[in-house]
Structure formats: structure tokens, C-alpha cells
Protein backbone atom coordinates (compact mmCIF):
# COMPACT_ATOMS: atom_id res chain seq x y z
CA MET A 1 -31.87 -41.38 27.43
CA ILE A 2 -33.04 -43.20 24.36
CA ARG A 3 -35.56 -40.42 23.62
CA LEU A 4 -32.83 -37.84 23.81
CA LEU A 5 -30.53 -39.38 21.26
CA PRO A 6 -32.41 -38.01 18.26
CA LEU A 7 -32.33 -34.46 19.77
CA ILE A 8 -28.61 -34.72 20.45
CA ALA A 9 -28.09 -35.84 16.90
CA LEU A 10 -30.09 -33.06 15.60
CA ILE A 11 -28.12 -30.48 17.64
CA ALA A 12 -24.83 -32.05 16.48
CA ALA A 13 -25.91 -31.71 12.86
CA ALA A 14 -27.09 -28.16 13.13
CA PRO A 15 -24.79 -25.65 11.42
CA ALA A 16 -22.71 -23.48 13.68
CA LEU A 17 -23.91 -19.86 14.01
CA ALA A 18 -21.77 -17.32 12.33
CA VAL A 19 -19.98 -14.85 14.57
CA PRO A 20 -19.60 -11.24 13.38
CA THR A 21 -15.91 -10.56 13.46
CA PRO A 22 -14.53 -7.02 12.94
CA VAL A 23 -11.48 -6.55 10.73
CA THR A 24 -9.55 -3.28 10.11
CA VAL A 25 -7.17 -3.09 7.13
CA ARG A 26 -4.45 -0.51 6.71
CA VAL A 27 -1.79 -0.10 4.01
CA ILE A 28 1.56 1.50 4.87
CA SER A 29 4.19 2.80 2.43
CA GLN A 30 7.65 1.13 2.59
CA GLY A 31 9.82 3.56 4.52
CA ALA A 32 7.02 5.96 5.23
CA LYS A 33 3.39 6.40 6.44
CA PHE A 34 -0.15 5.04 5.88
CA ILE A 35 -1.56 5.38 2.24
CA GLY A 36 -4.96 7.11 2.19
CA THR A 37 -7.16 9.69 0.61
CA GLY A 38 -4.32 12.04 -0.39
CA MET A 39 -3.09 9.54 -2.96
CA GLY A 40 -6.56 8.49 -4.11
CA GLY A 41 -6.96 5.63 -1.61
CA VAL A 42 -6.21 1.89 -1.92
CA LEU A 43 -8.58 -0.66 -3.22
CA VAL A 44 -8.98 -3.69 -0.95
CA GLU A 45 -10.81 -7.03 -0.99
CA LEU A 46 -11.07 -9.86 1.53
CA SER A 47 -11.90 -13.25 0.10
CA ASP A 48 -11.90 -16.85 1.15
CA ALA A 49 -8.44 -18.29 0.35
CA ALA A 50 -9.92 -21.76 -0.41
CA THR A 51 -12.94 -20.85 -2.57
CA GLY A 52 -12.28 -17.36 -3.71
CA ALA A 53 -15.61 -16.18 -2.42
CA SER A 54 -15.63 -12.43 -1.73
CA LEU A 55 -16.11 -11.44 1.97
CA ALA A 56 -15.70 -7.74 1.88
CA LYS A 57 -14.34 -5.04 -0.38
CA GLY A 58 -14.00 -1.36 -0.58
CA ARG A 59 -11.40 1.49 -0.42
CA ILE A 60 -8.98 2.48 2.20
CA GLU A 61 -9.34 6.23 3.00
CA GLY A 62 -8.13 8.60 5.68
CA GLY A 63 -4.96 10.39 6.61
CA THR A 64 -1.39 9.37 6.65
CA GLY A 65 -1.17 9.04 10.40
CA ASP A 66 1.04 10.44 13.24
CA THR A 67 4.53 10.95 11.87
CA ALA A 68 6.23 10.59 15.28
CA LYS A 69 4.43 7.37 16.14
CA ILE A 70 5.20 5.81 12.75
CA MET A 71 8.68 7.04 11.93
CA ASN A 72 10.39 7.13 15.37
CA GLY A 73 11.03 3.41 15.56
CA SER A 74 8.21 2.36 17.91
CA SER A 75 9.03 -0.99 19.76
CA ARG A 76 7.36 -4.12 18.47
CA GLY A 77 3.68 -4.42 19.61
CA THR A 78 3.18 -0.64 20.05
CA ALA A 79 0.37 0.73 18.15
CA ILE A 80 1.28 3.20 15.43
CA ALA A 81 -2.14 4.10 14.01
CA ASP A 82 -4.43 6.79 15.46
CA ASP A 83 -8.15 7.35 14.74
CA LYS A 84 -7.42 9.46 11.71
CA SER A 85 -5.03 6.99 10.04
CA ALA A 86 -6.29 5.68 6.73
CA LYS A 87 -8.30 2.32 7.02
CA PHE A 88 -11.05 0.07 5.70
CA ASP A 89 -13.40 -1.52 8.29
CA ALA A 90 -15.29 -4.74 7.61
CA MET A 91 -17.41 -7.08 9.53
CA ILE A 92 -17.05 -10.71 8.43
CA ASP A 93 -19.35 -13.47 9.64
CA LEU A 94 -17.23 -16.50 10.57
CA ASP A 95 -18.56 -19.88 11.67
CA GLN A 96 -15.22 -21.51 11.86
CA PRO A 97 -11.54 -20.48 11.43
CA ARG A 98 -10.98 -19.34 7.93
CA GLU A 99 -7.88 -18.50 5.90
CA VAL A 100 -8.55 -15.21 4.29
CA ARG A 101 -6.82 -13.64 1.26
CA ILE A 102 -6.31 -9.88 1.08
CA SER A 103 -5.83 -8.22 -2.22
CA VAL A 104 -4.95 -4.59 -2.33
CA LEU A 105 -4.15 -2.17 -5.15
CA GLY A 106 -2.88 1.42 -4.67
CA PRO A 107 -2.27 4.24 -4.44
CA LEU A 108 -4.77 5.16 -7.14
CA GLN A 109 -3.22 8.54 -7.77
CA PRO A 110 -1.35 9.66 -9.78
CA ALA A 111 -2.23 7.28 -12.65
CA GLY A 112 0.10 4.45 -13.21
CA VAL A 113 1.80 4.09 -9.81
CA ALA A 114 -0.52 1.59 -8.18
CA VAL A 115 1.17 -1.40 -6.57
CA PRO A 116 -0.67 -4.82 -6.21
CA HIS A 117 -0.27 -7.02 -3.22
CA VAL A 118 -1.82 -10.38 -2.24
CA SER A 119 -1.32 -12.24 1.08
CA THR A 120 -3.26 -14.41 3.54
CA ARG A 121 -3.77 -14.89 7.26
CA TRP A 122 -6.19 -16.78 9.45
CA LEU A 123 -9.22 -15.22 11.00
CA ILE A 124 -10.79 -16.71 14.04
CA PRO A 125 -14.61 -16.33 14.76
CA GLY A 126 -15.09 -13.58 17.36
CA GLN A 127 -11.36 -12.66 17.44
CA PRO A 128 -11.24 -8.99 16.18
CA VAL A 129 -8.45 -7.67 14.04
CA VAL A 130 -8.60 -4.09 15.12
CA GLY A 131 -6.31 -1.28 16.52
CA ASP A 132 -3.58 -1.07 13.96
CA GLY A 133 -5.45 -4.06 12.25
CA TRP A 134 -4.21 -6.00 9.40
CA VAL A 135 -1.27 -3.88 8.17
CA VAL A 136 0.04 -4.48 4.68
CA GLU A 137 3.27 -2.83 3.59
CA LEU A 138 3.38 -1.86 -0.04
CA PRO A 139 6.97 -1.79 -1.53
CA GLY A 140 8.06 1.00 -3.99
CA LEU A 141 7.78 4.68 -4.74
CA ALA A 142 5.20 6.79 -6.63
CA LEU A 143 7.18 7.62 -9.79
CA THR A 144 6.15 9.29 -13.17
CA ALA A 145 8.49 10.48 -15.83
CA ARG A 146 8.10 12.47 -19.00
CA ARG A 147 10.13 14.04 -21.75
CA ASP A 148 10.30 17.86 -21.74
CA GLY A 149 12.44 19.07 -24.59
CA GLU A 150 16.00 17.96 -24.05
CA GLN A 151 15.35 17.00 -20.50
CA VAL A 152 13.63 14.13 -18.82
CA VAL A 153 11.60 15.17 -15.74
CA ALA A 154 10.61 12.72 -12.99
CA ASP A 155 8.24 13.25 -10.08
CA VAL A 156 8.80 10.95 -7.14
CA SER A 157 7.16 10.61 -3.72
CA MET A 158 6.69 7.93 -1.14
CA LEU A 159 3.54 5.82 -1.83
CA CYS A 160 1.78 7.78 0.92
CA GLY A 161 2.51 11.03 -0.78
CA CYS A 162 5.04 12.07 1.88
CA PRO A 163 7.31 14.76 0.28
CA ILE A 164 10.83 14.32 -0.93
CA ALA A 165 12.72 17.60 -0.31
CA PRO A 166 15.69 19.05 1.58
CA GLY A 167 15.27 19.02 5.39
CA THR A 168 12.33 16.52 5.43
CA LEU A 169 12.38 13.01 6.81
CA TRP A 170 12.65 12.03 3.12
CA ASP A 171 15.66 14.27 2.09
CA GLU A 172 16.36 14.32 -1.65
CA LYS A 173 19.93 13.39 -1.09
CA ARG A 174 18.98 9.77 -0.22
CA PHE A 175 17.24 9.18 -3.56
CA GLU A 176 19.02 8.05 -6.64
CA VAL A 177 17.00 8.77 -9.85
CA LYS A 178 18.27 7.74 -13.17
CA ALA A 179 17.11 7.86 -16.83
CA TRP A 180 18.19 4.85 -18.83
CA VAL A 181 19.35 5.00 -22.49
CA GLY A 182 19.78 1.41 -23.42
CA GLY A 183 22.16 0.00 -20.72
CA ASN A 184 23.51 3.49 -19.83
CA ALA A 185 22.23 5.49 -16.88
CA VAL A 186 22.01 9.28 -16.72
CA ARG A 187 21.80 10.50 -13.12
CA MET A 188 18.96 13.02 -12.45
CA THR A 189 19.21 15.72 -9.88
CA TRP A 190 16.76 17.49 -7.64
CA ALA A 191 15.10 20.24 -9.69
CA GLY A 192 14.23 22.59 -6.89
CA GLN A 193 10.65 21.46 -6.47
CA THR A 194 9.22 18.86 -4.01
CA GLY A 195 9.79 15.46 -5.53
CA ARG A 196 11.05 16.64 -8.84
CA PHE A 197 14.27 15.40 -10.52
CA ALA A 198 15.46 16.30 -14.06
CA ALA A 199 18.47 15.94 -16.32
CA ALA A 200 19.48 16.43 -19.91
CA VAL A 201 18.92 13.02 -21.43
CA PRO A 202 19.63 12.02 -25.04
CA ALA A 203 16.89 10.74 -27.28
CA GLY A 204 16.12 7.13 -26.97
CA ALA A 205 15.74 7.03 -23.10
CA THR A 206 12.76 4.79 -22.29
CA TRP A 207 12.86 4.30 -18.46
CA VAL A 208 13.43 6.19 -15.23
CA THR A 209 14.32 4.31 -12.04
CA ALA A 210 14.19 5.66 -8.51
CA VAL A 211 15.81 4.18 -5.35
CA ASP A 212 15.43 5.21 -1.71
CA THR A 213 18.78 4.28 -0.46
CA LEU A 214 17.60 4.39 3.18
CA SER A 215 14.47 2.15 3.03
CA GLY A 216 15.39 0.16 -0.04
CA ALA A 217 12.21 1.22 -1.83
CA THR A 218 12.51 1.14 -5.65
CA SER A 219 10.37 1.92 -8.69
CA ALA A 220 10.59 2.20 -12.44
CA ALA A 221 8.53 4.18 -14.93
CA LYS A 222 8.36 4.47 -18.68
CA ILE A 223 9.03 7.95 -20.01
CA SER A 224 5.97 9.48 -21.56
CA ALA A 225 6.41 11.59 -24.76
CA ALA A 226 6.57 15.37 -24.59
CA ALA A 227 3.25 17.16 -24.85
CA ALA A 228 2.33 18.58 -28.21
CA PRO A 229 2.87 22.35 -28.47
């Protein structure tokens, strides 16, 4: 027994073997579907919450997913992703439970609409995070605005790119789009083209805001100057 003690001590002191643990990350738009390739993808990085060490990073790519599964109010615990839904897959070596920070930024198109998000969760060695995976919901809308002569024109979509138009799940009537001149708002109306709203707005307007009155998603964008003739 005495001879075994050094061996036992050596085994106890040996570092635990890391266990490859699969993690799938998806990002979903508030009030809509998964964000993927159609909107330029989403940047994602997983890091150790305590040390900041990077564990995995890449880009979420793929489709927006099955509309019926996502939008028809599936019961809690029911999978909403399919094999074509946008995702990022990582394999992380874990030798003990670790609190992991996720940082995402997207969508990457059009320019200027990306939303940042940071949160954490515990990962357990050998406990996969797959299926729907680690799902992050990004708040807001994809909104750009520009001056066009006497009008201000705004283009709005859900962050996944889902279209805002009559007769769709994202009917234009549920969106309130306004241009702001100081503290005064000018309501903008649907301009007959998917996601486009416009109004005659006095000079001096600097911001456009958009609100989805159903999901509560909001966004604001500075009005860019009219293009030179």
C-alpha cells in the first residue's frame, strides 16, 4: 500500500483530459427568423468569460429557416431549426465546467445595421449544445435612410431580411416609420416597394426611427445626404 501512494498522488496531480464538446450557435431576429447569408452573415466569437481567451470564432451562414416552425408559436422545447438554418459550429475542448462568453455582431449587410450582443452561459465537458443550439436573439430592425430631394426615404426589413410588404407576415401596416426634425416627427408611409417608406420632410431632419408594433423591435438611423447629381 505504501508503494502505491506515490502513484496515487501522481494520478491525482495529473491534469484532466480535455473533452471535445460540440457547440452550435444560431442568431434569430426579434419577431422574425434566423439571420444568415442573405444579410451578410453574423460574426461570432466564443471566449472564456474569466480570462477572455478566445475559444472559437467565425461567421454564421445559411438560410433563414422554416417559416412555419419559427413563426407559428411552437411550444417551449420544440426545435425550430432545420438543417438549412443559419449556424456556426464549433468544437471546444473542455477539461472542466467553463463559463463561456458569446459575442455576436450582425447582420453585416447592409452597411451600418449590425447589432452587437454579448452574453454568457456554462458549458459542461462532453455535454453538446446542438440541435437549435445556443440561440441568441438580436433586437431591432435593419434600417437605412437617405435624403432624396424633398423626401426622406427609408428602407426597413427584419434583421433576417424578411420582407415588409402588404400580405406578408410582416405587413407594412404594423410598422411606424418616422423622420425627426428636432423634436417633431413626420410620419412616413409605405412607398409601394418592399420595405420602403417615404415622406416629404423639411430640411434639418437628422434621424429616422422604425417600430414594429407587434414584436416591439425598434431601430434608428441617421439620414444620409442626397447623392450628388
